[in-house]
């Protein structure tokens, strides 16, 4: 597996940035080359809620040099039990702007661009073309379909996740891999069962932290070109029984990605 960006000569780490990630750079699988790859990767995060909160924080803490966050929603009191980017003082503030403030407090080495308006398919296509790795941290089927299509058409790896009740799932859809399925190979666009919302059935606060952190982990691996990301696999997490299961997935013959 190779890093998503091949030239990292512009990503020389300054002494403070190097000290911050010094423990991570000790990992022989990552090292300085992998760390520079992370610093040179442009991450696009769709959604700064329950999943986006831990994902954004861990990307920034792990040395991401550039993150674009898209969210047109405002922080509400009901978000605060699980959306750890945000605070009581930020109620009423746009979530993408709140994320920018939180990352600014965490590290000066991450440039976070906040997109605080709704991103239609045309805007999503443009944002995905500009990015290197896309994280779908949204909470509805329509957005997931739109993000999946935009990322796939742009040729960019997509780290997908969802969480509801006590469970969550994570996968990576990578158009650079000829064997990788896309989101629609696995999840039918017209299946209402794939569009269950936390506001209707509830969500355990900590499960969003678990899944969002796993999502950041996969995105960082893809950026650095290390390990075996969840391409062609879905990881299912059941926090109530604390069970982790993985199943293999493949392309559907009649999916748009197979017909392209």
Protein backbone atom coordinates (compact mmCIF):
# COMPACT_ATOMS: atom_id res chain seq x y z
CA UNK A 1 0.00 0.00 0.00
CA UNK A 2 1.26 3.48 -0.91
CA UNK A 3 0.59 6.90 0.65
CA UNK A 4 -2.19 8.88 -1.05
CA UNK A 5 0.22 11.76 -1.77
CA UNK A 6 3.55 10.79 -3.32
CA UNK A 7 5.59 13.97 -2.81
CA UNK A 8 6.01 15.11 0.79
CA UNK A 9 9.15 17.20 0.39
CA UNK A 10 7.13 20.28 1.39
CA UNK A 11 6.04 18.64 4.67
CA UNK A 12 9.23 18.92 6.71
CA UNK A 13 8.12 18.86 10.32
CA UNK A 14 9.08 21.80 12.53
CA UNK A 15 10.59 20.98 15.95
CA UNK A 16 7.34 21.54 17.86
CA UNK A 17 5.29 19.44 15.44
CA UNK A 18 7.91 16.70 15.59
CA UNK A 19 7.84 16.69 19.41
CA UNK A 20 4.05 16.43 19.45
CA UNK A 21 4.05 13.26 17.35
CA UNK A 22 7.37 11.86 18.56
CA UNK A 23 5.80 8.79 20.17
CA UNK A 24 3.89 8.01 17.00
CA UNK A 25 7.02 8.38 14.86
CA UNK A 26 8.74 5.72 16.96
CA UNK A 27 6.50 3.14 15.28
CA UNK A 28 8.64 1.35 12.70
CA UNK A 29 5.63 0.90 10.43
CA UNK A 30 5.15 4.67 10.31
CA UNK A 31 8.40 6.51 11.02
CA UNK A 32 9.30 9.91 9.62
CA UNK A 33 8.21 9.08 6.07
CA UNK A 34 4.73 8.03 7.18
CA UNK A 35 4.40 11.04 9.45
CA UNK A 36 5.32 13.40 6.62
CA UNK A 37 2.72 11.64 4.48
CA UNK A 38 0.04 12.36 7.11
CA UNK A 39 1.17 15.98 7.33
CA UNK A 40 0.92 16.30 3.55
CA UNK A 41 -2.53 14.75 3.24
CA UNK A 42 -5.63 16.88 2.79
CA UNK A 43 -8.48 15.23 4.71
CA UNK A 44 -12.09 16.09 3.88
CA UNK A 45 -14.54 15.39 6.72
CA UNK A 46 -18.26 15.49 6.01
CA UNK A 47 -20.03 16.12 9.31
CA UNK A 48 -18.74 17.47 12.63
CA UNK A 49 -21.15 15.61 14.89
CA UNK A 50 -20.88 12.39 16.89
CA UNK A 51 -18.48 10.67 14.48
CA UNK A 52 -16.79 13.74 13.09
CA UNK A 53 -15.89 15.06 16.53
CA UNK A 54 -13.43 12.30 17.54
CA UNK A 55 -12.31 11.77 13.94
CA UNK A 56 -11.35 15.43 13.48
CA UNK A 57 -9.62 15.65 16.85
CA UNK A 58 -7.54 12.53 16.26
CA UNK A 59 -6.61 13.54 12.72
CA UNK A 60 -5.37 16.89 14.01
CA UNK A 61 -3.63 15.39 17.05
CA UNK A 62 -1.93 12.76 14.86
CA UNK A 63 -0.30 15.45 12.73
CA UNK A 64 -2.71 16.11 9.86
CA UNK A 65 -1.61 19.29 8.16
CA UNK A 66 -4.87 20.16 6.44
CA UNK A 67 -8.51 19.30 7.14
CA UNK A 68 -11.65 20.61 5.47
CA UNK A 69 -14.79 20.18 7.58
CA UNK A 70 -18.26 20.46 6.03
CA UNK A 71 -21.33 20.92 8.22
CA UNK A 72 -24.21 23.40 7.90
CA UNK A 73 -25.78 22.50 11.27
CA UNK A 74 -25.48 24.44 14.52
CA UNK A 75 -24.49 23.05 17.92
CA UNK A 76 -27.45 22.21 20.18
CA UNK A 77 -27.60 21.13 23.81
CA UNK A 78 -28.70 17.63 22.78
CA UNK A 79 -25.43 17.22 20.84
CA UNK A 80 -23.13 17.73 23.80
CA UNK A 81 -23.34 14.24 25.29
CA UNK A 82 -21.42 12.75 22.36
CA UNK A 83 -20.16 15.50 20.03
CA UNK A 84 -16.99 16.20 21.98
CA UNK A 85 -15.66 18.92 19.67
CA UNK A 86 -18.30 21.26 21.00
CA UNK A 87 -18.98 22.88 24.38
CA UNK A 88 -21.88 24.56 26.15
CA UNK A 89 -20.41 27.93 25.20
CA UNK A 90 -20.70 26.95 21.55
CA UNK A 91 -24.43 26.20 21.51
CA UNK A 92 -25.88 27.99 18.50
CA UNK A 93 -22.53 28.14 16.69
CA UNK A 94 -22.09 26.41 13.35
CA UNK A 95 -20.44 23.01 13.87
CA UNK A 96 -17.74 23.46 11.22
CA UNK A 97 -16.74 26.78 12.77
CA UNK A 98 -16.84 25.22 16.23
CA UNK A 99 -14.53 22.48 14.94
CA UNK A 100 -12.10 25.10 13.67
CA UNK A 101 -11.98 26.69 17.11
CA UNK A 102 -11.48 23.33 18.86
CA UNK A 103 -8.63 22.27 16.57
CA UNK A 104 -7.04 25.69 16.97
CA UNK A 105 -6.95 25.12 20.72
CA UNK A 106 -5.47 21.65 20.24
CA UNK A 107 -2.65 22.38 17.79
CA UNK A 108 -1.25 25.26 15.73
CA UNK A 109 0.04 22.88 13.07
CA UNK A 110 -3.28 21.89 11.48
CA UNK A 111 -4.95 24.18 8.96
CA UNK A 112 -8.70 23.62 9.27
CA UNK A 113 -11.03 25.06 6.65
CA UNK A 114 -14.64 25.32 7.80
CA UNK A 115 -17.38 24.96 5.18
CA UNK A 116 -20.49 26.04 7.03
CA UNK A 117 -23.04 25.83 4.24
CA UNK A 118 -24.86 22.89 2.67
CA UNK A 119 -22.73 21.10 0.07
CA UNK A 120 -24.82 19.97 -2.90
CA UNK A 121 -23.51 17.28 -5.29
CA UNK A 122 -21.68 19.86 -7.42
CA UNK A 123 -19.93 21.35 -4.38
CA UNK A 124 -19.17 17.89 -2.99
CA UNK A 125 -17.58 16.90 -6.30
CA UNK A 126 -15.32 19.97 -6.13
CA UNK A 127 -14.39 19.36 -2.49
CA UNK A 128 -13.54 15.71 -3.16
CA UNK A 129 -11.33 16.62 -6.10
CA UNK A 130 -9.37 18.97 -3.84
CA UNK A 131 -8.92 16.39 -1.06
CA UNK A 132 -6.80 13.25 -0.74
CA UNK A 133 -8.86 11.21 1.75
CA UNK A 134 -12.59 11.63 2.44
CA UNK A 135 -14.30 10.74 5.73
CA UNK A 136 -18.08 10.33 5.68
CA UNK A 137 -19.20 11.27 9.19
CA UNK A 138 -22.74 12.18 8.13
CA UNK A 139 -25.94 10.89 9.69
CA UNK A 140 -28.34 10.37 6.78
CA UNK A 141 -28.56 8.16 3.71
CA UNK A 142 -28.95 10.92 1.13
CA UNK A 143 -25.70 12.55 2.20
CA UNK A 144 -23.88 9.21 2.33
CA UNK A 145 -24.92 8.43 -1.24
CA UNK A 146 -23.89 11.88 -2.45
CA UNK A 147 -20.52 11.73 -0.67
CA UNK A 148 -19.85 8.21 -1.91
CA UNK A 149 -20.51 9.12 -5.53
CA UNK A 150 -18.45 12.30 -5.35
CA UNK A 151 -15.47 10.55 -3.74
CA UNK A 152 -15.62 7.59 -6.13
CA UNK A 153 -15.91 9.79 -9.21
CA UNK A 154 -12.93 11.85 -7.97
CA UNK A 155 -10.90 8.68 -7.44
CA UNK A 156 -10.44 9.38 -3.73
CA UNK A 157 -10.53 6.77 -0.92
CA UNK A 158 -13.59 7.11 1.31
CA UNK A 159 -13.64 6.10 4.97
CA UNK A 160 -17.27 5.42 5.84
CA UNK A 161 -18.76 4.96 9.30
CA UNK A 162 -22.13 5.01 11.03
CA UNK A 163 -23.33 4.58 14.60
CA UNK A 164 -26.78 4.02 16.08
CA UNK A 165 -28.10 2.64 19.38
CA UNK A 166 -25.15 0.58 20.77
CA UNK A 167 -23.59 -0.40 17.45
CA UNK A 168 -21.50 0.98 14.63
CA UNK A 169 -19.75 0.03 11.42
CA UNK A 170 -16.64 1.15 9.54
CA UNK A 171 -15.36 0.44 6.05
CA UNK A 172 -13.05 1.89 3.39
CA UNK A 173 -14.13 2.24 -0.23
CA UNK A 174 -11.09 2.88 -2.41
CA UNK A 175 -11.48 3.40 -6.19
CA UNK A 176 -7.70 3.03 -6.59
CA UNK A 177 -8.17 -0.67 -5.81
CA UNK A 178 -9.77 -2.57 -8.72
CA UNK A 179 -11.35 -5.05 -6.29
CA UNK A 180 -12.83 -2.46 -3.93
CA UNK A 181 -16.61 -2.14 -3.84
CA UNK A 182 -18.24 1.26 -3.48
CA UNK A 183 -20.80 2.27 -0.85
CA UNK A 184 -23.72 1.40 -3.14
CA UNK A 185 -22.40 -2.11 -3.70
CA UNK A 186 -23.23 -2.75 -0.05
CA UNK A 187 -26.00 -0.33 0.90
CA UNK A 188 -29.05 0.02 -1.32
CA UNK A 189 -29.90 3.71 -1.92
CA UNK A 190 -33.64 3.03 -1.58
CA UNK A 191 -33.46 0.87 1.55
CA UNK A 192 -35.09 2.79 4.41
CA UNK A 193 -33.39 0.45 6.91
CA UNK A 194 -30.11 2.20 6.04
CA UNK A 195 -31.50 5.60 7.06
CA UNK A 196 -32.23 5.17 10.78
CA UNK A 197 -31.46 8.34 12.76
CA UNK A 198 -30.27 8.76 16.34
CA UNK A 199 -32.98 11.36 16.92
CA UNK A 200 -35.56 8.61 16.36
CA UNK A 201 -34.05 5.55 18.08
CA UNK A 202 -31.23 6.89 20.27
CA UNK A 203 -27.48 6.41 20.38
CA UNK A 204 -25.06 5.44 23.16
CA UNK A 205 -22.68 8.36 23.62
CA UNK A 206 -19.47 6.32 23.77
CA UNK A 207 -20.18 4.32 20.61
CA UNK A 208 -19.75 7.46 18.52
CA UNK A 209 -16.35 7.94 20.14
CA UNK A 210 -15.33 4.36 19.41
CA UNK A 211 -16.46 4.45 15.79
CA UNK A 212 -15.21 7.96 15.03
CA UNK A 213 -11.79 7.07 16.43
CA UNK A 214 -11.68 3.90 14.30
CA UNK A 215 -12.58 6.05 11.32
CA UNK A 216 -9.64 8.37 12.01
CA UNK A 217 -7.39 5.34 12.41
CA UNK A 218 -8.35 4.03 8.97
CA UNK A 219 -7.95 7.45 7.36
CA UNK A 220 -4.47 7.88 8.86
CA UNK A 221 -3.45 4.41 7.65
CA UNK A 222 -4.65 5.23 4.14
CA UNK A 223 -2.80 8.56 4.20
CA UNK A 224 0.47 6.99 5.37
CA UNK A 225 0.16 3.88 3.22
CA UNK A 226 0.54 1.48 6.13
CA UNK A 227 -1.23 -1.64 7.36
CA UNK A 228 -4.36 -3.18 5.87
CA UNK A 229 -7.26 -0.73 5.74
CA UNK A 230 -10.83 -2.05 5.72
CA UNK A 231 -11.05 -2.22 1.91
CA UNK A 232 -13.39 -5.03 0.93
CA UNK A 233 -14.37 -5.51 4.57
CA UNK A 234 -16.83 -4.00 7.04
CA UNK A 235 -16.07 -3.90 10.75
CA UNK A 236 -19.16 -4.19 12.96
CA UNK A 237 -18.96 -3.11 16.59
CA UNK A 238 -21.56 -4.07 19.21
CA UNK A 239 -20.76 -2.07 22.34
CA UNK A 240 -23.53 -3.64 24.41
CA UNK A 241 -21.83 -7.05 24.21
CA UNK A 242 -18.41 -5.53 23.32
CA UNK A 243 -18.12 -7.66 20.20
CA UNK A 244 -16.14 -6.85 17.06
CA UNK A 245 -16.95 -8.73 13.85
CA UNK A 246 -15.62 -8.31 10.31
CA UNK A 247 -17.25 -9.52 7.09
CA UNK A 248 -15.90 -9.45 3.55
CA UNK A 249 -17.70 -7.48 0.86
CA UNK A 250 -17.25 -7.27 -2.91
CA UNK A 251 -18.46 -5.40 -5.94
CA UNK A 252 -21.97 -5.88 -7.29
CA UNK A 253 -22.11 -6.53 -11.02
CA UNK A 254 -24.94 -4.09 -11.54
CA UNK A 255 -23.56 -1.28 -9.41
CA UNK A 256 -22.56 2.02 -11.02
CA UNK A 257 -18.93 1.53 -9.97
CA UNK A 258 -18.74 -1.79 -11.87
CA UNK A 259 -20.34 -0.28 -14.96
CA UNK A 260 -17.99 2.71 -15.08
